[in-house]
Amino acid sequence: MSTYLQNPAGLDAPSNAEVRISCAIMAHPKRAAEARSLELALEELGAAVVFDPRPSDRPSTLRTALAAWRASRPDATHHLVLQDDVALCDDFINVLCSSVKGSPEVPICLFSDWGSATASMVRWAALGGYGLAPNVDPWVSTVGLILPVDMANAFVEFVGASCQEDYPDDETMARFLESIGRQAFVSVPNLVEHVGDESLIGNGAAHGVRRSSCYRGSGDVMLPSRSLAPPPIVPYMRKSRCRAVAIIDEEFFHGSAPSPVARDFLQHAGLAHSVIVQRLDQKLDSPAGRRMEWELGYGCLHEVWSTSVALGYFAPLEPAVMHRPSSIAIRALSTLAPGGLRTVAPQILTNQEDLDLLANFVLDGFRDGFELRI
């Protein structure tokens, strides 16, 4: 069964375009139960489970993804591919259809990792009321991704017979979109959550717990299908070393490494590091601050604070957005600290009191950065 919608003009959209969505769930036999559960939940889309064609071989996301992208129906205008370890937001199909309706020509990721650079774009978009955020990482999240069918077919051709199965599907997708001059966008808030912490390809140890930067809640309103353009500097936390880093758009889009520290860009922009440290020390001179310092140490909190300040200082938004931030925006900011600390301080992920303290800590740092630029 297909889902039909009439679409007004959206981002790069032809007016009154008809939309028909097909769906494939890329899966490994070890997760057959999870995949079948998703298939049942997505019966309205006629979802099909596509298993790894050679499950006894070395695990390969690209091998399974290629089979899933081949599985679009002939009548479909859009094809959705989901990984087998996701949870769907409430009213998923209707919300998905509304997102595609607003931007039918756009590749839309339904998930963004809470420790990625793209997560910073999601947080800014949530604050500004934008329903789409541009992907600014050198990969495209394939946890959940929907493409126009002609684009999906072109991806299959792009990979072709020379498919190198050891190459990740998310990086391959990024290379493909770059080759056709297209950019992926992320739904704000995210429509799926990553729930499988045991990676079949070994990502668990390196990447830690992977969660959404801003997962859609049951009471969330639909944000307009418009996108926030990335500023020249996008700060984020580098999970592997718990460092406040930043990327520059031109260098980044050519796959360069991130800058060592975000404070270099802040200092270059006129905000002295001594000011950041002074405000951090004031923040930590409180019962809540002392508890956080005891739990995490000054170094980790310095990096979280620096990232939060930089996120506010370089935000491509008007000051009015901070007068009364939405619940979606608050939720998006609250994932910054756990997303950046997950590999160096995983214990905080199971302590809600610590998470609440860190969420307020990040929000205060963001507001400080906002105020310091004015």
Protein backbone atom coordinates (compact mmCIF):
# COMPACT_ATOMS: atom_id res chain seq x y z
CA MET A 1 0.00 0.00 0.00
CA SER A 2 1.37 3.44 -0.92
CA THR A 3 0.88 6.69 0.91
CA TYR A 4 -0.33 9.47 -1.40
CA LEU A 5 -0.02 13.17 -0.74
CA GLN A 6 -0.54 16.32 -2.72
CA ASN A 7 2.45 18.60 -2.26
CA PRO A 8 2.62 22.36 -2.52
CA ALA A 9 5.92 23.86 -3.52
CA GLY A 10 8.66 23.26 -0.97
CA LEU A 11 12.42 23.43 -0.87
CA ASP A 12 13.44 22.74 -4.50
CA ALA A 13 9.93 21.33 -4.97
CA PRO A 14 7.68 21.25 -8.01
CA SER A 15 4.18 22.37 -7.08
CA ASN A 16 1.39 19.82 -6.64
CA ALA A 17 3.77 16.88 -6.97
CA GLU A 18 2.30 13.51 -6.08
CA VAL A 19 4.21 11.57 -3.44
CA ARG A 20 4.24 7.79 -3.01
CA ILE A 21 6.60 6.36 -0.40
CA SER A 22 8.04 2.86 -0.38
CA CYS A 23 10.13 1.54 2.49
CA ALA A 24 12.87 -1.02 3.12
CA ILE A 25 14.38 -2.05 6.44
CA MET A 26 18.02 -3.06 6.08
CA ALA A 27 18.66 -5.86 8.52
CA HIS A 28 20.94 -8.64 9.66
CA PRO A 29 19.43 -12.03 10.57
CA LYS A 30 20.67 -11.51 14.16
CA ARG A 31 18.15 -8.69 14.40
CA ALA A 32 15.31 -10.36 12.55
CA ALA A 33 12.86 -9.83 15.41
CA GLU A 34 13.54 -6.08 15.56
CA ALA A 35 13.25 -5.80 11.78
CA ARG A 36 9.94 -7.67 11.69
CA SER A 37 8.56 -5.41 14.42
CA LEU A 38 9.44 -2.35 12.33
CA GLU A 39 7.89 -4.00 9.27
CA LEU A 40 4.63 -4.43 11.15
CA ALA A 41 4.67 -0.83 12.40
CA LEU A 42 5.20 0.37 8.82
CA GLU A 43 2.62 -1.85 7.17
CA GLU A 44 0.88 1.22 5.76
CA LEU A 45 3.99 1.94 3.69
CA GLY A 46 4.27 -1.66 2.52
CA ALA A 47 7.63 -1.91 4.25
CA ALA A 48 9.87 -4.83 3.30
CA VAL A 49 12.70 -6.30 5.35
CA VAL A 50 15.88 -6.66 3.30
CA PHE A 51 18.44 -8.92 4.94
CA ASP A 52 22.18 -8.89 4.39
CA PRO A 53 22.63 -10.92 1.19
CA ARG A 54 25.67 -12.70 2.68
CA PRO A 55 25.20 -12.66 6.46
CA SER A 56 27.99 -15.18 7.11
CA ASP A 57 30.56 -12.88 5.50
CA ARG A 58 32.22 -9.97 7.23
CA PRO A 59 29.46 -7.48 8.19
CA SER A 60 29.03 -4.67 5.66
CA THR A 61 26.61 -1.79 5.94
CA LEU A 62 27.10 -0.93 2.27
CA ARG A 63 26.29 -4.42 1.05
CA THR A 64 22.99 -4.48 2.93
CA ALA A 65 22.21 -0.83 2.19
CA LEU A 66 22.65 -1.42 -1.52
CA ALA A 67 20.10 -4.24 -1.41
CA ALA A 68 17.72 -2.01 0.54
CA TRP A 69 18.03 0.92 -1.89
CA ARG A 70 17.34 -1.48 -4.77
CA ALA A 71 14.05 -2.45 -3.13
CA SER A 72 12.00 0.61 -4.07
CA ARG A 73 8.65 -0.11 -5.70
CA PRO A 74 8.15 0.84 -9.37
CA ASP A 75 5.25 3.18 -8.51
CA ALA A 76 7.09 5.01 -5.71
CA THR A 77 8.29 8.59 -5.93
CA HIS A 78 10.33 8.31 -2.70
CA HIS A 79 12.13 5.45 -1.02
CA LEU A 80 12.81 5.23 2.70
CA VAL A 81 15.56 3.01 4.11
CA LEU A 82 15.72 2.37 7.85
CA GLN A 83 18.26 0.43 9.85
CA ASP A 84 16.93 -2.42 11.98
CA ASP A 85 17.87 -0.85 15.34
CA VAL A 86 15.68 2.25 15.36
CA ALA A 87 12.57 3.38 17.19
CA LEU A 88 9.93 5.45 15.40
CA CYS A 89 8.47 8.65 16.79
CA ASP A 90 4.76 8.84 17.56
CA ASP A 91 2.59 9.23 14.47
CA PHE A 92 5.67 8.49 12.40
CA ILE A 93 4.03 7.98 9.00
CA ASN A 94 1.97 11.17 9.09
CA VAL A 95 4.93 13.24 10.28
CA LEU A 96 7.19 11.69 7.65
CA CYS A 97 4.66 12.39 4.93
CA SER A 98 4.38 16.02 6.03
CA SER A 99 8.16 16.39 5.90
CA VAL A 100 8.36 14.93 2.40
CA LYS A 101 5.38 17.02 1.35
CA GLY A 102 7.25 20.18 2.31
CA SER A 103 10.48 19.25 0.51
CA PRO A 104 9.91 16.44 -1.98
CA GLU A 105 13.17 16.92 -3.90
CA VAL A 106 15.43 16.88 -0.85
CA PRO A 107 17.36 13.95 0.71
CA ILE A 108 16.09 13.91 4.30
CA CYS A 109 17.90 12.17 7.15
CA LEU A 110 15.56 11.20 9.97
CA PHE A 111 18.34 10.95 12.57
CA SER A 112 21.43 12.92 13.59
CA ASP A 113 23.94 11.65 16.12
CA TRP A 114 24.01 13.76 19.29
CA GLY A 115 27.80 14.15 19.10
CA SER A 116 28.09 15.16 15.44
CA ALA A 117 28.72 18.55 13.87
CA THR A 118 25.31 18.27 12.22
CA ALA A 119 23.83 18.09 15.72
CA SER A 120 24.92 21.72 16.19
CA MET A 121 22.93 22.65 13.09
CA VAL A 122 19.94 20.75 14.49
CA ARG A 123 20.19 22.66 17.79
CA TRP A 124 20.34 26.00 16.01
CA ALA A 125 17.46 25.02 13.73
CA ALA A 126 15.34 23.96 16.70
CA LEU A 127 15.99 27.31 18.40
CA GLY A 128 15.09 29.22 15.24
CA GLY A 129 12.00 27.18 14.38
CA TYR A 130 13.44 25.57 11.24
CA GLY A 131 12.17 22.12 10.27
CA LEU A 132 15.32 21.18 8.36
CA ALA A 133 19.02 21.43 9.15
CA PRO A 134 21.77 20.90 6.56
CA ASN A 135 24.07 17.93 7.04
CA VAL A 136 27.57 19.29 7.66
CA ASP A 137 29.45 16.09 8.46
CA PRO A 138 31.61 14.22 5.93
CA TRP A 139 29.06 11.42 6.05
CA VAL A 140 25.28 11.30 5.66
CA SER A 141 23.35 9.60 8.43
CA THR A 142 21.82 6.42 7.02
CA VAL A 143 20.12 5.34 10.25
CA GLY A 144 16.97 6.55 8.53
CA LEU A 145 17.09 8.26 5.14
CA ILE A 146 14.50 9.05 2.49
CA LEU A 147 15.41 9.91 -1.11
CA PRO A 148 13.45 10.65 -4.25
CA VAL A 149 13.34 7.37 -6.16
CA ASP A 150 15.37 8.63 -9.09
CA MET A 151 18.08 9.64 -6.62
CA ALA A 152 17.89 6.25 -4.90
CA ASN A 153 18.30 4.50 -8.25
CA ALA A 154 21.22 6.76 -9.13
CA PHE A 155 22.89 5.83 -5.84
CA VAL A 156 22.62 2.14 -6.73
CA GLU A 157 24.22 2.88 -10.11
CA PHE A 158 26.89 5.04 -8.44
CA VAL A 159 27.99 2.16 -6.23
CA GLY A 160 27.70 -0.25 -9.15
CA ALA A 161 29.67 -3.41 -9.72
CA SER A 162 32.79 -1.92 -8.11
CA CYS A 163 31.13 -1.91 -4.72
CA GLN A 164 33.83 -1.96 -2.04
CA GLU A 165 31.96 -3.54 0.81
CA ASP A 166 34.35 -2.37 3.52
CA TYR A 167 33.49 1.25 2.77
CA PRO A 168 30.76 2.60 5.10
CA ASP A 169 27.39 3.29 3.52
CA ASP A 170 27.10 6.71 5.21
CA GLU A 171 30.37 7.93 3.68
CA THR A 172 29.44 6.41 0.33
CA MET A 173 26.14 8.26 0.40
CA ALA A 174 27.97 11.53 1.11
CA ARG A 175 30.29 10.95 -1.85
CA PHE A 176 27.34 10.18 -4.08
CA LEU A 177 25.39 13.31 -3.14
CA GLU A 178 28.49 15.44 -3.61
CA SER A 179 28.94 13.91 -7.08
CA ILE A 180 25.46 15.06 -8.14
CA GLY A 181 25.69 18.45 -6.42
CA ARG A 182 23.06 17.74 -3.77
CA GLN A 183 23.08 18.18 -0.02
CA ALA A 184 21.31 16.10 2.60
CA PHE A 185 19.14 17.71 5.25
CA VAL A 186 18.05 16.46 8.67
CA SER A 187 14.50 16.57 9.99
CA VAL A 188 14.10 18.81 13.06
CA PRO A 189 13.25 17.23 15.38
CA ASN A 190 14.55 13.78 14.38
CA LEU A 191 11.86 11.24 13.50
CA VAL A 192 13.76 8.10 14.55
CA GLU A 193 15.91 7.19 17.52
CA HIS A 194 18.89 4.86 17.43
CA VAL A 195 18.30 2.21 20.09
CA GLY A 196 20.77 -0.55 19.21
CA ASP A 197 23.92 -0.06 21.29
CA GLU A 198 25.52 -3.36 20.25
CA SER A 199 27.10 -2.66 16.87
CA LEU A 200 27.44 -5.57 14.46
CA ILE A 201 30.38 -3.87 12.73
CA GLY A 202 32.29 -2.79 15.83
CA ASN A 203 31.15 0.83 16.15
CA GLY A 204 30.00 0.45 19.73
CA ALA A 205 33.41 0.73 21.39
CA ALA A 206 34.60 3.64 19.25
CA HIS A 207 31.40 5.67 19.16
CA GLY A 208 29.73 4.81 22.45
CA VAL A 209 26.00 5.20 22.91
CA ARG A 210 24.52 6.80 19.80
CA ARG A 211 21.36 8.79 20.35
CA SER A 212 19.42 11.48 18.55
CA SER A 213 20.43 15.11 18.88
CA CYS A 214 16.73 15.98 19.20
CA TYR A 215 14.22 13.13 19.08
CA ARG A 216 10.64 14.10 18.35
CA GLY A 217 8.29 14.10 21.35
CA SER A 218 4.61 13.20 21.22
CA GLY A 219 3.51 16.80 21.80
CA ASP A 220 5.91 18.46 19.35
CA VAL A 221 4.49 20.72 16.68
CA MET A 222 5.62 20.41 13.07
CA LEU A 223 8.25 23.03 12.30
CA PRO A 224 8.13 24.75 8.88
CA SER A 225 9.97 22.97 6.05
CA ARG A 226 12.67 25.58 5.76
CA SER A 227 16.38 25.20 6.33
CA LEU A 228 18.87 27.20 8.33
CA ALA A 229 22.02 27.93 6.34
CA PRO A 230 25.27 26.95 8.10
CA PRO A 231 27.49 29.81 9.32
CA PRO A 232 31.23 29.87 8.55
CA ILE A 233 32.04 28.21 11.89
CA VAL A 234 30.17 25.25 13.36
CA PRO A 235 31.37 24.25 16.86
CA TYR A 236 30.74 20.82 18.35
CA MET A 237 32.25 18.33 20.79
CA ARG A 238 34.62 15.70 19.50
CA LYS A 239 33.55 12.57 21.33
CA SER A 240 36.80 10.64 20.98
CA ARG A 241 38.78 13.12 23.10
CA CYS A 242 36.08 15.22 24.74
CA ARG A 243 37.30 18.36 22.98
CA ALA A 244 35.56 21.53 21.92
CA VAL A 245 36.28 21.70 18.19
CA ALA A 246 34.94 23.54 15.20
CA ILE A 247 34.77 23.24 11.44
CA ILE A 248 34.99 25.87 8.72
CA ASP A 249 32.48 25.39 5.93
CA GLU A 250 34.74 25.44 2.88
CA GLU A 251 37.44 23.27 4.43
CA PHE A 252 34.87 20.98 5.91
CA PHE A 253 32.94 20.33 2.75
CA HIS A 254 36.18 19.12 1.21
CA GLY A 255 36.61 16.56 3.96
CA SER A 256 39.28 18.27 6.05
CA ALA A 257 39.83 17.51 9.72
CA PRO A 258 38.20 19.71 12.36
CA SER A 259 40.13 22.51 13.96
CA PRO A 260 41.91 21.48 17.19
CA VAL A 261 39.96 23.73 19.54
CA ALA A 262 36.90 25.94 19.28
CA ARG A 263 38.48 28.56 21.56
CA ASP A 264 40.92 29.43 18.76
CA PHE A 265 37.99 30.62 16.67
CA LEU A 266 36.42 32.40 19.63
CA GLN A 267 39.67 34.23 20.35
CA HIS A 268 40.05 35.11 16.67
CA ALA A 269 36.47 36.45 16.73
CA GLY A 270 37.31 38.69 19.69
CA LEU A 271 36.29 36.59 22.69
CA ALA A 272 39.30 36.00 24.94
CA HIS A 273 39.71 32.57 26.46
CA SER A 274 40.21 34.21 29.87
CA VAL A 275 36.63 35.51 29.71
CA ILE A 276 35.31 32.01 29.02
CA VAL A 277 37.29 30.56 31.92
CA GLN A 278 36.22 33.34 34.29
CA ARG A 279 32.56 32.66 33.57
CA LEU A 280 33.09 28.92 33.87
CA ASP A 281 34.69 29.34 37.29
CA GLN A 282 31.77 31.48 38.43
CA LYS A 283 29.35 28.81 37.22
CA LEU A 284 31.22 26.05 39.06
CA ASP A 285 31.28 28.03 42.31
CA SER A 286 27.95 26.59 43.42
CA PRO A 287 26.68 23.31 44.90
CA ALA A 288 25.60 22.11 41.45
CA GLY A 289 28.90 23.18 39.92
CA ARG A 290 30.96 21.48 42.58
CA ARG A 291 28.98 18.27 42.13
CA MET A 292 29.59 18.32 38.37
CA GLU A 293 33.29 19.01 38.88
CA TRP A 294 33.53 16.13 41.35
CA GLU A 295 31.78 13.79 38.88
CA LEU A 296 33.53 14.85 35.67
CA GLY A 297 36.59 16.91 36.48
CA TYR A 298 37.42 20.44 35.44
CA GLY A 299 38.85 19.47 32.04
CA CYS A 300 35.69 17.83 30.72
CA LEU A 301 33.51 20.66 32.00
CA HIS A 302 35.83 23.20 30.39
CA GLU A 303 35.30 21.54 27.01
CA VAL A 304 31.51 21.31 27.45
CA TRP A 305 31.38 24.96 28.51
CA SER A 306 33.62 26.10 25.64
CA THR A 307 31.44 24.26 23.13
CA SER A 308 28.26 25.72 24.63
CA VAL A 309 29.65 29.27 24.61
CA ALA A 310 30.87 28.86 21.03
CA LEU A 311 27.48 27.47 19.98
CA GLY A 312 25.84 30.63 21.32
CA TYR A 313 28.51 33.01 20.05
CA PHE A 314 28.44 31.75 16.46
CA ALA A 315 24.72 30.96 16.28
CA PRO A 316 23.24 32.26 12.99
CA LEU A 317 20.13 33.41 14.86
CA GLU A 318 18.60 36.61 16.15
CA PRO A 319 18.76 37.28 19.93
CA ALA A 320 14.97 37.01 20.22
CA VAL A 321 15.13 33.22 19.93
CA MET A 322 16.46 33.03 23.50
CA HIS A 323 13.62 35.02 25.05
CA ARG A 324 11.42 31.95 25.31
CA PRO A 325 13.07 28.87 23.78
CA SER A 326 10.70 26.06 22.84
CA SER A 327 10.69 22.66 24.50
CA ILE A 328 12.17 21.26 21.26
CA ALA A 329 15.06 23.73 21.47
CA ILE A 330 15.71 22.97 25.15
CA ARG A 331 15.70 19.25 24.38
CA ALA A 332 18.15 19.74 21.50
CA LEU A 333 20.60 21.68 23.68
CA SER A 334 20.32 19.09 26.47
CA THR A 335 21.90 16.40 24.30
CA LEU A 336 25.14 18.31 23.72
CA ALA A 337 26.92 17.20 26.90
CA PRO A 338 26.01 13.49 26.87
CA GLY A 339 26.75 13.37 23.14
CA GLY A 340 30.23 14.77 23.69
CA LEU A 341 31.03 12.93 26.94
CA ARG A 342 29.65 9.50 26.07
CA THR A 343 32.99 7.80 25.42
CA VAL A 344 34.99 9.45 28.23
CA ALA A 345 32.31 9.57 30.95
CA PRO A 346 29.65 7.02 29.98
CA GLN A 347 28.49 6.77 33.60
CA ILE A 348 26.58 10.05 33.30
CA LEU A 349 24.19 8.54 30.76
CA THR A 350 22.47 6.53 33.48
CA ASN A 351 22.25 9.32 36.07
CA GLN A 352 19.33 11.62 35.35
CA GLU A 353 20.34 14.12 38.03
CA ASP A 354 23.73 14.57 36.39
CA LEU A 355 22.08 14.90 32.98
CA ASP A 356 19.72 17.58 34.29
CA LEU A 357 22.62 19.53 35.81
CA LEU A 358 24.56 19.31 32.55
CA ALA A 359 21.54 20.42 30.53
CA ASN A 360 21.27 23.60 32.62
CA PHE A 361 25.05 24.03 32.39
CA VAL A 362 24.93 23.90 28.57
CA LEU A 363 21.97 26.27 28.40
CA ASP A 364 23.78 28.80 30.61
CA GLY A 365 26.91 28.52 28.47
CA PHE A 366 24.90 28.99 25.30
CA ARG A 367 23.20 32.07 26.74
CA ASP A 368 26.58 33.44 27.81
CA GLY A 369 27.89 33.04 24.28
CA PHE A 370 24.82 34.75 22.91
CA GLU A 371 25.18 37.68 25.33
CA LEU A 372 28.94 38.06 24.76
CA ARG A 373 28.51 38.61 21.04
CA ILE A 374 26.05 41.48 21.45
